[in-house]
N, C-alpha and C. Protein backbone atom coordinates (compact mmCIF):
# COMPACT_ATOMS: atom_id res chain seq x y z
N MET A 1 -2.01 26.57 2.44
CA MET A 1 -2.59 26.45 1.12
C MET A 1 -4.10 26.64 1.26
N PRO A 2 -4.66 27.57 0.52
CA PRO A 2 -6.11 27.77 0.58
C PRO A 2 -6.87 26.55 0.06
N LEU A 3 -8.11 26.44 0.51
CA LEU A 3 -8.92 25.28 0.16
C LEU A 3 -9.18 25.21 -1.35
N ASP A 4 -9.39 26.34 -2.00
CA ASP A 4 -9.65 26.30 -3.44
C ASP A 4 -8.45 25.80 -4.22
N ARG A 5 -7.25 26.15 -3.77
CA ARG A 5 -6.05 25.62 -4.42
C ARG A 5 -5.91 24.12 -4.20
N PHE A 6 -6.23 23.69 -2.99
CA PHE A 6 -6.15 22.27 -2.65
C PHE A 6 -7.10 21.46 -3.52
N VAL A 7 -8.33 21.93 -3.67
CA VAL A 7 -9.33 21.23 -4.48
C VAL A 7 -8.89 21.22 -5.95
N LEU A 8 -8.39 22.33 -6.43
CA LEU A 8 -7.91 22.38 -7.82
C LEU A 8 -6.76 21.42 -8.03
N LEU A 9 -5.85 21.33 -7.07
CA LEU A 9 -4.74 20.39 -7.17
C LEU A 9 -5.25 18.95 -7.19
N LEU A 10 -6.21 18.64 -6.35
CA LEU A 10 -6.77 17.29 -6.34
C LEU A 10 -7.45 16.95 -7.66
N ILE A 11 -8.17 17.89 -8.23
CA ILE A 11 -8.84 17.66 -9.51
C ILE A 11 -7.81 17.40 -10.60
N VAL A 12 -6.75 18.18 -10.61
CA VAL A 12 -5.71 18.01 -11.63
C VAL A 12 -5.00 16.67 -11.46
N VAL A 13 -4.72 16.30 -10.21
CA VAL A 13 -4.03 15.03 -9.96
C VAL A 13 -4.91 13.85 -10.35
N ILE A 14 -6.19 13.91 -10.01
CA ILE A 14 -7.10 12.82 -10.36
C ILE A 14 -7.27 12.72 -11.87
N ALA A 15 -7.36 13.86 -12.55
CA ALA A 15 -7.47 13.85 -14.01
C ALA A 15 -6.20 13.28 -14.65
N ALA A 16 -5.04 13.65 -14.10
CA ALA A 16 -3.79 13.11 -14.63
C ALA A 16 -3.69 11.61 -14.37
N ALA A 17 -4.16 11.19 -13.21
CA ALA A 17 -4.14 9.76 -12.91
C ALA A 17 -5.06 9.00 -13.86
N GLY A 18 -6.23 9.55 -14.13
CA GLY A 18 -7.15 8.91 -15.07
C GLY A 18 -6.57 8.84 -16.47
N ALA A 19 -5.91 9.92 -16.89
CA ALA A 19 -5.28 9.92 -18.22
C ALA A 19 -4.14 8.90 -18.27
N THR A 20 -3.40 8.78 -17.18
CA THR A 20 -2.32 7.81 -17.13
C THR A 20 -2.86 6.39 -17.24
N VAL A 21 -3.92 6.11 -16.52
CA VAL A 21 -4.53 4.78 -16.58
C VAL A 21 -5.04 4.49 -17.98
N TRP A 22 -5.70 5.46 -18.58
CA TRP A 22 -6.27 5.27 -19.92
C TRP A 22 -5.16 5.03 -20.95
N ILE A 23 -4.12 5.84 -20.93
CA ILE A 23 -3.02 5.67 -21.87
C ILE A 23 -2.29 4.35 -21.61
N GLY A 24 -2.08 4.05 -20.34
CA GLY A 24 -1.43 2.78 -20.01
C GLY A 24 -2.25 1.58 -20.46
N TRP A 25 -3.55 1.68 -20.27
CA TRP A 25 -4.45 0.60 -20.70
C TRP A 25 -4.38 0.42 -22.23
N LEU A 26 -4.39 1.52 -22.96
CA LEU A 26 -4.29 1.44 -24.42
C LEU A 26 -2.97 0.81 -24.86
N LEU A 27 -1.89 1.20 -24.20
CA LEU A 27 -0.59 0.62 -24.56
C LEU A 27 -0.53 -0.87 -24.24
N LEU A 28 -1.04 -1.25 -23.07
CA LEU A 28 -1.01 -2.66 -22.69
C LEU A 28 -1.85 -3.51 -23.63
N VAL A 29 -3.01 -3.02 -23.99
CA VAL A 29 -3.89 -3.78 -24.88
C VAL A 29 -3.29 -3.85 -26.29
N SER A 30 -2.65 -2.77 -26.72
CA SER A 30 -2.07 -2.78 -28.07
C SER A 30 -0.90 -3.76 -28.18
N PHE A 31 -0.17 -3.96 -27.09
CA PHE A 31 0.92 -4.93 -27.10
C PHE A 31 0.46 -6.33 -26.72
N GLY A 32 -0.78 -6.47 -26.36
CA GLY A 32 -1.31 -7.78 -26.02
C GLY A 32 -0.87 -8.28 -24.65
N VAL A 33 -0.51 -7.40 -23.77
CA VAL A 33 -0.05 -7.78 -22.44
C VAL A 33 -1.20 -7.53 -21.47
N SER A 34 -1.94 -8.56 -21.17
CA SER A 34 -3.08 -8.38 -20.27
C SER A 34 -2.71 -8.68 -18.83
N GLY A 35 -1.54 -9.24 -18.56
CA GLY A 35 -1.14 -9.58 -17.21
C GLY A 35 -0.65 -8.38 -16.41
N TRP A 36 -0.36 -7.27 -17.07
CA TRP A 36 0.18 -6.09 -16.41
C TRP A 36 -0.88 -5.03 -16.13
N VAL A 37 -2.13 -5.44 -16.12
CA VAL A 37 -3.21 -4.48 -15.92
C VAL A 37 -3.12 -3.84 -14.54
N GLY A 38 -2.72 -4.60 -13.54
CA GLY A 38 -2.59 -4.06 -12.18
C GLY A 38 -1.60 -2.92 -12.10
N LEU A 39 -0.54 -2.99 -12.90
CA LEU A 39 0.45 -1.92 -12.90
C LEU A 39 -0.14 -0.62 -13.45
N ALA A 40 -1.07 -0.72 -14.38
CA ALA A 40 -1.70 0.46 -14.94
C ALA A 40 -2.53 1.19 -13.89
N PHE A 41 -3.01 0.48 -12.89
CA PHE A 41 -3.78 1.12 -11.83
C PHE A 41 -2.90 1.46 -10.63
N ALA A 42 -1.79 0.78 -10.46
CA ALA A 42 -0.93 1.00 -9.30
C ALA A 42 -0.16 2.31 -9.39
N VAL A 43 0.29 2.66 -10.56
CA VAL A 43 1.11 3.87 -10.72
C VAL A 43 0.30 5.13 -10.41
N PRO A 44 -0.88 5.35 -10.99
CA PRO A 44 -1.64 6.55 -10.64
C PRO A 44 -2.10 6.55 -9.18
N THR A 45 -2.42 5.38 -8.66
CA THR A 45 -2.82 5.30 -7.26
C THR A 45 -1.66 5.71 -6.36
N ALA A 46 -0.48 5.26 -6.68
CA ALA A 46 0.69 5.64 -5.90
C ALA A 46 0.97 7.13 -6.01
N LEU A 47 0.77 7.72 -7.18
CA LEU A 47 0.97 9.16 -7.34
C LEU A 47 -0.02 9.96 -6.50
N VAL A 48 -1.28 9.55 -6.50
CA VAL A 48 -2.30 10.24 -5.71
C VAL A 48 -1.99 10.10 -4.22
N ALA A 49 -1.57 8.91 -3.79
CA ALA A 49 -1.22 8.70 -2.39
C ALA A 49 -0.02 9.56 -2.00
N TYR A 50 0.96 9.66 -2.88
CA TYR A 50 2.14 10.48 -2.60
C TYR A 50 1.76 11.95 -2.43
N VAL A 51 0.94 12.46 -3.32
CA VAL A 51 0.52 13.87 -3.23
C VAL A 51 -0.29 14.09 -1.95
N ALA A 52 -1.18 13.17 -1.61
CA ALA A 52 -1.98 13.31 -0.40
C ALA A 52 -1.09 13.30 0.85
N LEU A 53 -0.11 12.41 0.89
CA LEU A 53 0.80 12.36 2.03
C LEU A 53 1.64 13.62 2.14
N ARG A 54 2.08 14.15 1.02
CA ARG A 54 2.86 15.40 1.05
C ARG A 54 2.02 16.56 1.56
N ILE A 55 0.77 16.62 1.16
CA ILE A 55 -0.11 17.69 1.62
C ILE A 55 -0.37 17.56 3.12
N ILE A 56 -0.64 16.35 3.58
CA ILE A 56 -0.88 16.14 5.00
C ILE A 56 0.38 16.47 5.80
N ARG A 57 1.54 16.04 5.34
CA ARG A 57 2.79 16.33 6.04
C ARG A 57 3.05 17.83 6.09
N ASP A 58 2.75 18.53 5.00
CA ASP A 58 2.95 19.97 4.96
C ASP A 58 2.00 20.67 5.92
N ARG A 59 0.77 20.22 5.98
CA ARG A 59 -0.22 20.82 6.89
C ARG A 59 0.16 20.60 8.35
N LEU A 60 0.62 19.41 8.69
CA LEU A 60 0.95 19.11 10.08
C LEU A 60 2.26 19.76 10.51
N GLY A 61 3.18 19.96 9.60
CA GLY A 61 4.48 20.51 9.95
C GLY A 61 4.57 22.02 9.86
N ASN A 62 3.56 22.69 9.40
CA ASN A 62 3.58 24.12 9.19
C ASN A 62 3.03 24.83 10.44
N PRO A 63 3.85 25.62 11.14
CA PRO A 63 3.35 26.30 12.34
C PRO A 63 2.30 27.36 12.03
N GLU A 64 2.24 27.86 10.82
CA GLU A 64 1.22 28.86 10.47
C GLU A 64 -0.18 28.26 10.43
N GLU A 65 -0.28 26.93 10.34
CA GLU A 65 -1.58 26.26 10.28
C GLU A 65 -2.17 26.01 11.67
N ASP A 66 -1.44 26.37 12.72
CA ASP A 66 -1.89 26.12 14.09
C ASP A 66 -2.64 27.32 14.66
N HIS A 67 -3.65 27.79 13.96
CA HIS A 67 -4.40 28.98 14.38
C HIS A 67 -5.14 28.75 15.70
N TYR A 68 -5.64 27.56 15.88
CA TYR A 68 -6.53 27.31 17.01
C TYR A 68 -5.83 26.70 18.21
N ASP A 69 -4.51 26.52 18.15
CA ASP A 69 -3.80 25.95 19.29
C ASP A 69 -3.74 26.88 20.49
N GLY A 70 -3.72 28.17 20.25
CA GLY A 70 -3.61 29.13 21.34
C GLY A 70 -4.94 29.51 21.96
N ILE A 71 -6.05 29.05 21.42
CA ILE A 71 -7.37 29.40 21.93
C ILE A 71 -7.73 28.46 23.06
N GLU A 72 -8.10 29.03 24.21
CA GLU A 72 -8.49 28.22 25.35
C GLU A 72 -10.00 28.08 25.39
N LYS A 73 -10.46 26.96 25.92
CA LYS A 73 -11.89 26.71 25.99
C LYS A 73 -12.50 27.41 27.17
């Protein structure tokens, strides 16, 4: 995955996480449930962590990403 695609994906994920938190916060406040505020932050954080782990796993498991393994010092 090229770096520009990776950065664009991160920007989209972070924006979606922010929108999720904002909408969740509005819903929680409108229902008067202030004890569930942590859940509004946990869900987007978990989504960002999931995407980051998938990207790292894909990078480490892809043999095409090992360009520099064959170069000797």
